[in-house]
């Protein structure tokens, strides 16, 4: 049985010093392989690899090769999820209350 490894990247932009600060977290996941193995003969054939699994540790050249199909990570569909986390504080307006 093969061990699965999914590559997820998170990027955090620098925080601004404002009263309403927000943090954006971007997660990148690589899905099914889209490499056309029959392009040289004018056809269209994909290998059926459903998800990118890195064949090496992060920071090595093996991290860019898929353990399942052997293709480079760029052949896999890139799926980006962006999450915005906002820290809001409502002003305390006690003068408007009766």
N, C-alpha and C. Protein backbone atom coordinates (compact mmCIF):
# COMPACT_ATOMS: atom_id res chain seq x y z
N UNK A 1 0.84 -1.18 0.00
CA UNK A 1 0.00 0.00 0.00
C UNK A 1 0.89 1.25 0.00
N UNK A 2 0.57 2.19 -0.84
CA UNK A 2 1.36 3.40 -0.94
C UNK A 2 0.91 4.43 0.08
N UNK A 3 1.84 5.20 0.55
CA UNK A 3 1.53 6.26 1.48
C UNK A 3 1.15 7.51 0.70
N UNK A 4 0.05 8.14 1.04
CA UNK A 4 -0.42 9.34 0.35
C UNK A 4 0.18 10.58 0.97
N UNK A 5 0.56 11.52 0.11
CA UNK A 5 1.08 12.78 0.58
C UNK A 5 0.49 13.88 -0.29
N UNK A 6 -0.20 14.81 0.33
CA UNK A 6 -0.83 15.91 -0.38
C UNK A 6 -0.04 17.18 -0.10
N UNK A 7 0.20 17.96 -1.13
CA UNK A 7 0.95 19.19 -0.99
C UNK A 7 -0.03 20.35 -0.81
N UNK A 8 0.12 21.07 0.28
CA UNK A 8 -0.72 22.23 0.57
C UNK A 8 0.19 23.40 0.89
N UNK A 9 -0.03 24.50 0.24
CA UNK A 9 0.75 25.70 0.49
C UNK A 9 -0.15 26.74 1.12
N UNK A 10 0.37 27.43 2.10
CA UNK A 10 -0.37 28.53 2.72
C UNK A 10 0.47 29.79 2.64
N UNK A 11 -0.15 30.85 2.16
CA UNK A 11 0.54 32.13 2.06
C UNK A 11 -0.19 33.13 2.93
N UNK A 12 0.55 33.81 3.78
CA UNK A 12 -0.04 34.81 4.65
C UNK A 12 0.58 36.16 4.33
N UNK A 13 -0.22 37.11 3.82
CA UNK A 13 0.33 38.43 3.53
C UNK A 13 0.63 39.16 4.83
N UNK A 14 1.50 40.15 4.78
CA UNK A 14 1.80 40.90 6.00
C UNK A 14 0.56 41.62 6.50
N UNK A 15 0.41 41.64 7.81
CA UNK A 15 -0.76 42.28 8.42
C UNK A 15 -0.59 43.79 8.43
N UNK A 16 -1.68 44.48 8.19
CA UNK A 16 -1.68 45.93 8.25
C UNK A 16 -2.14 46.34 9.64
N UNK A 17 -1.63 47.45 10.11
CA UNK A 17 -2.01 47.91 11.43
C UNK A 17 -3.20 48.85 11.30
N UNK A 18 -4.40 48.28 11.30
CA UNK A 18 -5.63 49.04 11.25
C UNK A 18 -6.54 48.52 12.36
N UNK A 19 -7.66 49.20 12.58
CA UNK A 19 -8.58 48.75 13.63
C UNK A 19 -9.31 47.49 13.20
N UNK A 20 -9.59 47.34 11.91
CA UNK A 20 -10.23 46.13 11.37
C UNK A 20 -9.19 45.39 10.56
N UNK A 21 -8.54 44.43 11.17
CA UNK A 21 -7.50 43.68 10.46
C UNK A 21 -8.08 42.38 9.92
N UNK A 22 -7.55 41.94 8.82
CA UNK A 22 -7.99 40.67 8.22
C UNK A 22 -6.76 39.90 7.77
N UNK A 23 -6.91 38.60 7.72
CA UNK A 23 -5.83 37.70 7.33
C UNK A 23 -6.35 36.82 6.21
N UNK A 24 -5.60 36.73 5.12
CA UNK A 24 -6.00 35.91 3.98
C UNK A 24 -5.12 34.67 3.96
N UNK A 25 -5.76 33.49 3.96
CA UNK A 25 -5.04 32.23 3.89
C UNK A 25 -5.39 31.56 2.57
N UNK A 26 -4.38 31.26 1.77
CA UNK A 26 -4.58 30.62 0.48
C UNK A 26 -4.02 29.21 0.54
N UNK A 27 -4.87 28.23 0.26
CA UNK A 27 -4.45 26.83 0.24
C UNK A 27 -4.45 26.34 -1.21
N UNK A 28 -3.36 25.71 -1.62
CA UNK A 28 -3.24 25.19 -2.98
C UNK A 28 -3.20 23.67 -2.91
N UNK A 29 -4.04 23.03 -3.71
CA UNK A 29 -4.09 21.57 -3.77
C UNK A 29 -4.02 21.18 -5.24
N UNK A 30 -3.37 20.07 -5.53
CA UNK A 30 -3.22 19.62 -6.91
C UNK A 30 -4.06 18.37 -7.11
N UNK A 31 -4.99 18.42 -8.05
CA UNK A 31 -5.94 17.33 -8.29
C UNK A 31 -5.49 16.39 -9.39
N UNK A 32 -6.43 16.01 -10.25
CA UNK A 32 -6.18 14.98 -11.26
C UNK A 32 -5.18 15.42 -12.33
N UNK A 33 -4.48 14.44 -12.88
CA UNK A 33 -3.47 14.68 -13.90
C UNK A 33 -4.16 14.95 -15.25
N UNK A 34 -3.67 15.96 -15.96
CA UNK A 34 -4.25 16.33 -17.24
C UNK A 34 -3.27 16.16 -18.39
N UNK A 35 -2.19 15.43 -18.16
CA UNK A 35 -1.19 15.24 -19.20
C UNK A 35 -1.75 14.38 -20.33
N UNK A 36 -1.60 14.85 -21.56
CA UNK A 36 -2.04 14.13 -22.74
C UNK A 36 -0.89 13.25 -23.21
N UNK A 37 -0.99 11.94 -22.97
CA UNK A 37 0.07 11.02 -23.32
C UNK A 37 0.12 10.69 -24.81
N UNK A 38 -0.91 11.02 -25.55
CA UNK A 38 -0.95 10.72 -26.98
C UNK A 38 -0.86 11.97 -27.84
N UNK A 39 -0.34 13.06 -27.30
CA UNK A 39 -0.27 14.31 -28.06
C UNK A 39 0.66 14.20 -29.26
N UNK A 40 1.70 13.40 -29.15
CA UNK A 40 2.67 13.30 -30.25
C UNK A 40 2.08 12.60 -31.48
N UNK A 41 1.02 11.81 -31.31
CA UNK A 41 0.40 11.14 -32.46
C UNK A 41 -0.97 11.74 -32.80
N UNK A 42 -1.30 12.86 -32.16
CA UNK A 42 -2.54 13.56 -32.49
C UNK A 42 -3.76 13.07 -31.74
N UNK A 43 -3.60 12.30 -30.72
CA UNK A 43 -4.75 11.79 -29.95
C UNK A 43 -4.87 12.48 -28.61
N UNK A 44 -5.76 11.93 -27.80
CA UNK A 44 -5.96 12.46 -26.45
C UNK A 44 -6.16 11.29 -25.49
N UNK A 45 -5.18 11.07 -24.63
CA UNK A 45 -5.24 9.99 -23.64
C UNK A 45 -4.65 10.51 -22.33
N UNK A 46 -5.43 10.40 -21.25
CA UNK A 46 -4.92 10.74 -19.93
C UNK A 46 -4.75 9.44 -19.14
N UNK A 47 -3.89 9.47 -18.12
CA UNK A 47 -3.56 8.23 -17.40
C UNK A 47 -4.52 7.88 -16.28
N UNK A 48 -5.38 8.79 -15.86
CA UNK A 48 -6.36 8.48 -14.83
C UNK A 48 -5.88 8.76 -13.42
N UNK A 49 -4.73 9.38 -13.25
CA UNK A 49 -4.25 9.73 -11.92
C UNK A 49 -5.19 10.76 -11.32
N UNK A 50 -5.74 10.48 -10.15
CA UNK A 50 -6.79 11.32 -9.57
C UNK A 50 -6.28 12.43 -8.65
N UNK A 51 -5.07 12.28 -8.11
CA UNK A 51 -4.56 13.27 -7.17
C UNK A 51 -3.04 13.25 -7.15
N UNK A 52 -2.43 14.43 -7.02
CA UNK A 52 -0.98 14.54 -6.96
C UNK A 52 -0.48 14.05 -5.60
N UNK A 53 0.49 13.15 -5.64
CA UNK A 53 1.17 12.68 -4.43
C UNK A 53 2.67 12.89 -4.65
N UNK A 54 3.28 13.72 -3.86
CA UNK A 54 4.70 14.01 -4.02
C UNK A 54 5.52 12.76 -3.76
N UNK A 55 6.54 12.54 -4.59
CA UNK A 55 7.38 11.35 -4.41
C UNK A 55 8.60 11.62 -3.56
N UNK A 56 8.77 12.85 -3.10
CA UNK A 56 9.92 13.20 -2.25
C UNK A 56 9.53 14.19 -1.19
N UNK A 57 10.48 14.52 -0.35
CA UNK A 57 10.25 15.48 0.72
C UNK A 57 10.19 16.91 0.16
N UNK A 58 9.54 17.80 0.90
CA UNK A 58 9.44 19.21 0.51
C UNK A 58 10.85 19.80 0.41
N UNK A 59 11.12 20.52 -0.67
CA UNK A 59 12.42 21.14 -0.89
C UNK A 59 13.34 20.33 -1.79
N UNK A 60 12.96 19.10 -2.12
CA UNK A 60 13.77 18.29 -3.03
C UNK A 60 13.13 18.27 -4.40
N UNK A 61 13.85 17.77 -5.40
CA UNK A 61 13.28 17.71 -6.76
C UNK A 61 12.16 16.67 -6.83
N UNK A 62 12.19 15.68 -5.94
CA UNK A 62 11.13 14.67 -5.91
C UNK A 62 9.80 15.21 -5.46
N UNK A 63 9.80 16.35 -4.81
CA UNK A 63 8.55 16.96 -4.35
C UNK A 63 7.71 17.46 -5.52
N UNK A 64 8.32 17.62 -6.69
CA UNK A 64 7.61 18.12 -7.87
C UNK A 64 7.15 17.00 -8.79
N UNK A 65 7.52 15.76 -8.50
CA UNK A 65 7.13 14.61 -9.31
C UNK A 65 6.05 13.81 -8.59
N UNK A 66 5.04 13.36 -9.33
CA UNK A 66 3.94 12.59 -8.75
C UNK A 66 4.38 11.14 -8.56
N UNK A 67 4.12 10.59 -7.37
CA UNK A 67 4.49 9.21 -7.08
C UNK A 67 3.59 8.23 -7.83
N UNK A 68 2.36 8.63 -8.15
CA UNK A 68 1.41 7.73 -8.80
C UNK A 68 1.65 7.61 -10.31
N UNK A 69 1.84 8.75 -10.99
CA UNK A 69 1.94 8.70 -12.45
C UNK A 69 3.30 9.12 -13.00
N UNK A 70 4.14 9.74 -12.17
CA UNK A 70 5.47 10.14 -12.60
C UNK A 70 5.52 11.48 -13.30
N UNK A 71 4.39 12.15 -13.45
CA UNK A 71 4.34 13.45 -14.14
C UNK A 71 4.78 14.57 -13.21
N UNK A 72 5.16 15.69 -13.80
CA UNK A 72 5.48 16.89 -13.03
C UNK A 72 4.20 17.46 -12.43
N UNK A 73 4.35 18.17 -11.33
CA UNK A 73 3.20 18.75 -10.62
C UNK A 73 2.40 19.70 -11.51
N UNK A 74 3.03 20.35 -12.48
CA UNK A 74 2.33 21.30 -13.35
C UNK A 74 1.27 20.63 -14.23
N UNK A 75 1.35 19.31 -14.44
CA UNK A 75 0.34 18.62 -15.24
C UNK A 75 -0.94 18.36 -14.46
N UNK A 76 -0.91 18.53 -13.16
CA UNK A 76 -2.09 18.29 -12.33
C UNK A 76 -2.90 19.56 -12.17
N UNK A 77 -4.23 19.40 -12.10
CA UNK A 77 -5.13 20.53 -11.96
C UNK A 77 -4.87 21.25 -10.64
N UNK A 78 -4.67 22.55 -10.70
CA UNK A 78 -4.39 23.35 -9.52
C UNK A 78 -5.70 23.89 -8.96
N UNK A 79 -5.96 23.59 -7.70
CA UNK A 79 -7.18 24.05 -7.04
C UNK A 79 -6.78 24.96 -5.90
N UNK A 80 -7.25 26.21 -5.95
CA UNK A 80 -6.88 27.21 -4.95
C UNK A 80 -8.09 27.54 -4.09
N UNK A 81 -7.90 27.50 -2.79
CA UNK A 81 -8.94 27.90 -1.85
C UNK A 81 -8.43 29.10 -1.08
N UNK A 82 -9.22 30.17 -1.05
CA UNK A 82 -8.83 31.38 -0.34
C UNK A 82 -9.81 31.60 0.80
N UNK A 83 -9.27 31.81 1.98
CA UNK A 83 -10.09 32.04 3.16
C UNK A 83 -9.67 33.36 3.77
N UNK A 84 -10.64 34.23 4.01
CA UNK A 84 -10.36 35.53 4.63
C UNK A 84 -10.88 35.49 6.05
N UNK A 85 -9.98 35.68 6.99
CA UNK A 85 -10.34 35.70 8.40
C UNK A 85 -10.29 37.15 8.84
N UNK A 86 -11.41 37.65 9.33
CA UNK A 86 -11.52 39.05 9.70
C UNK A 86 -11.74 39.18 11.20
N UNK A 87 -11.01 40.08 11.78
CA UNK A 87 -11.19 40.40 13.19
C UNK A 87 -11.82 41.77 13.28
N UNK A 88 -13.10 41.81 13.60
CA UNK A 88 -13.82 43.08 13.66
C UNK A 88 -14.25 43.35 15.10
N UNK A 89 -14.19 44.57 15.47
CA UNK A 89 -14.70 44.98 16.77
C UNK A 89 -15.75 46.05 16.56
N UNK A 90 -16.91 45.85 17.12
CA UNK A 90 -17.98 46.84 16.93
C UNK A 90 -17.81 47.94 17.96
N UNK A 91 -18.04 49.18 17.54
CA UNK A 91 -17.88 50.30 18.49
C UNK A 91 -18.98 50.24 19.55
N UNK A 92 -18.64 50.64 20.73
CA UNK A 92 -19.56 50.63 21.85
C UNK A 92 -20.26 51.98 21.91
N UNK A 93 -21.44 52.08 21.31
CA UNK A 93 -22.20 53.34 21.27
C UNK A 93 -23.26 53.33 22.35
N UNK A 94 -22.88 53.72 23.55
CA UNK A 94 -23.84 53.76 24.64
C UNK A 94 -24.67 55.03 24.61
N UNK A 95 -24.26 56.03 23.81
CA UNK A 95 -25.03 57.28 23.74
C UNK A 95 -26.30 57.11 22.93
N UNK A 96 -26.42 56.06 22.05
CA UNK A 96 -27.60 55.84 21.25
C UNK A 96 -28.66 55.06 21.99
N UNK A 97 -28.31 54.50 23.14
CA UNK A 97 -29.27 53.69 23.89
C UNK A 97 -30.09 54.58 24.82
N UNK A 98 -31.35 54.21 25.01
CA UNK A 98 -32.24 55.00 25.86
C UNK A 98 -32.23 54.53 27.29
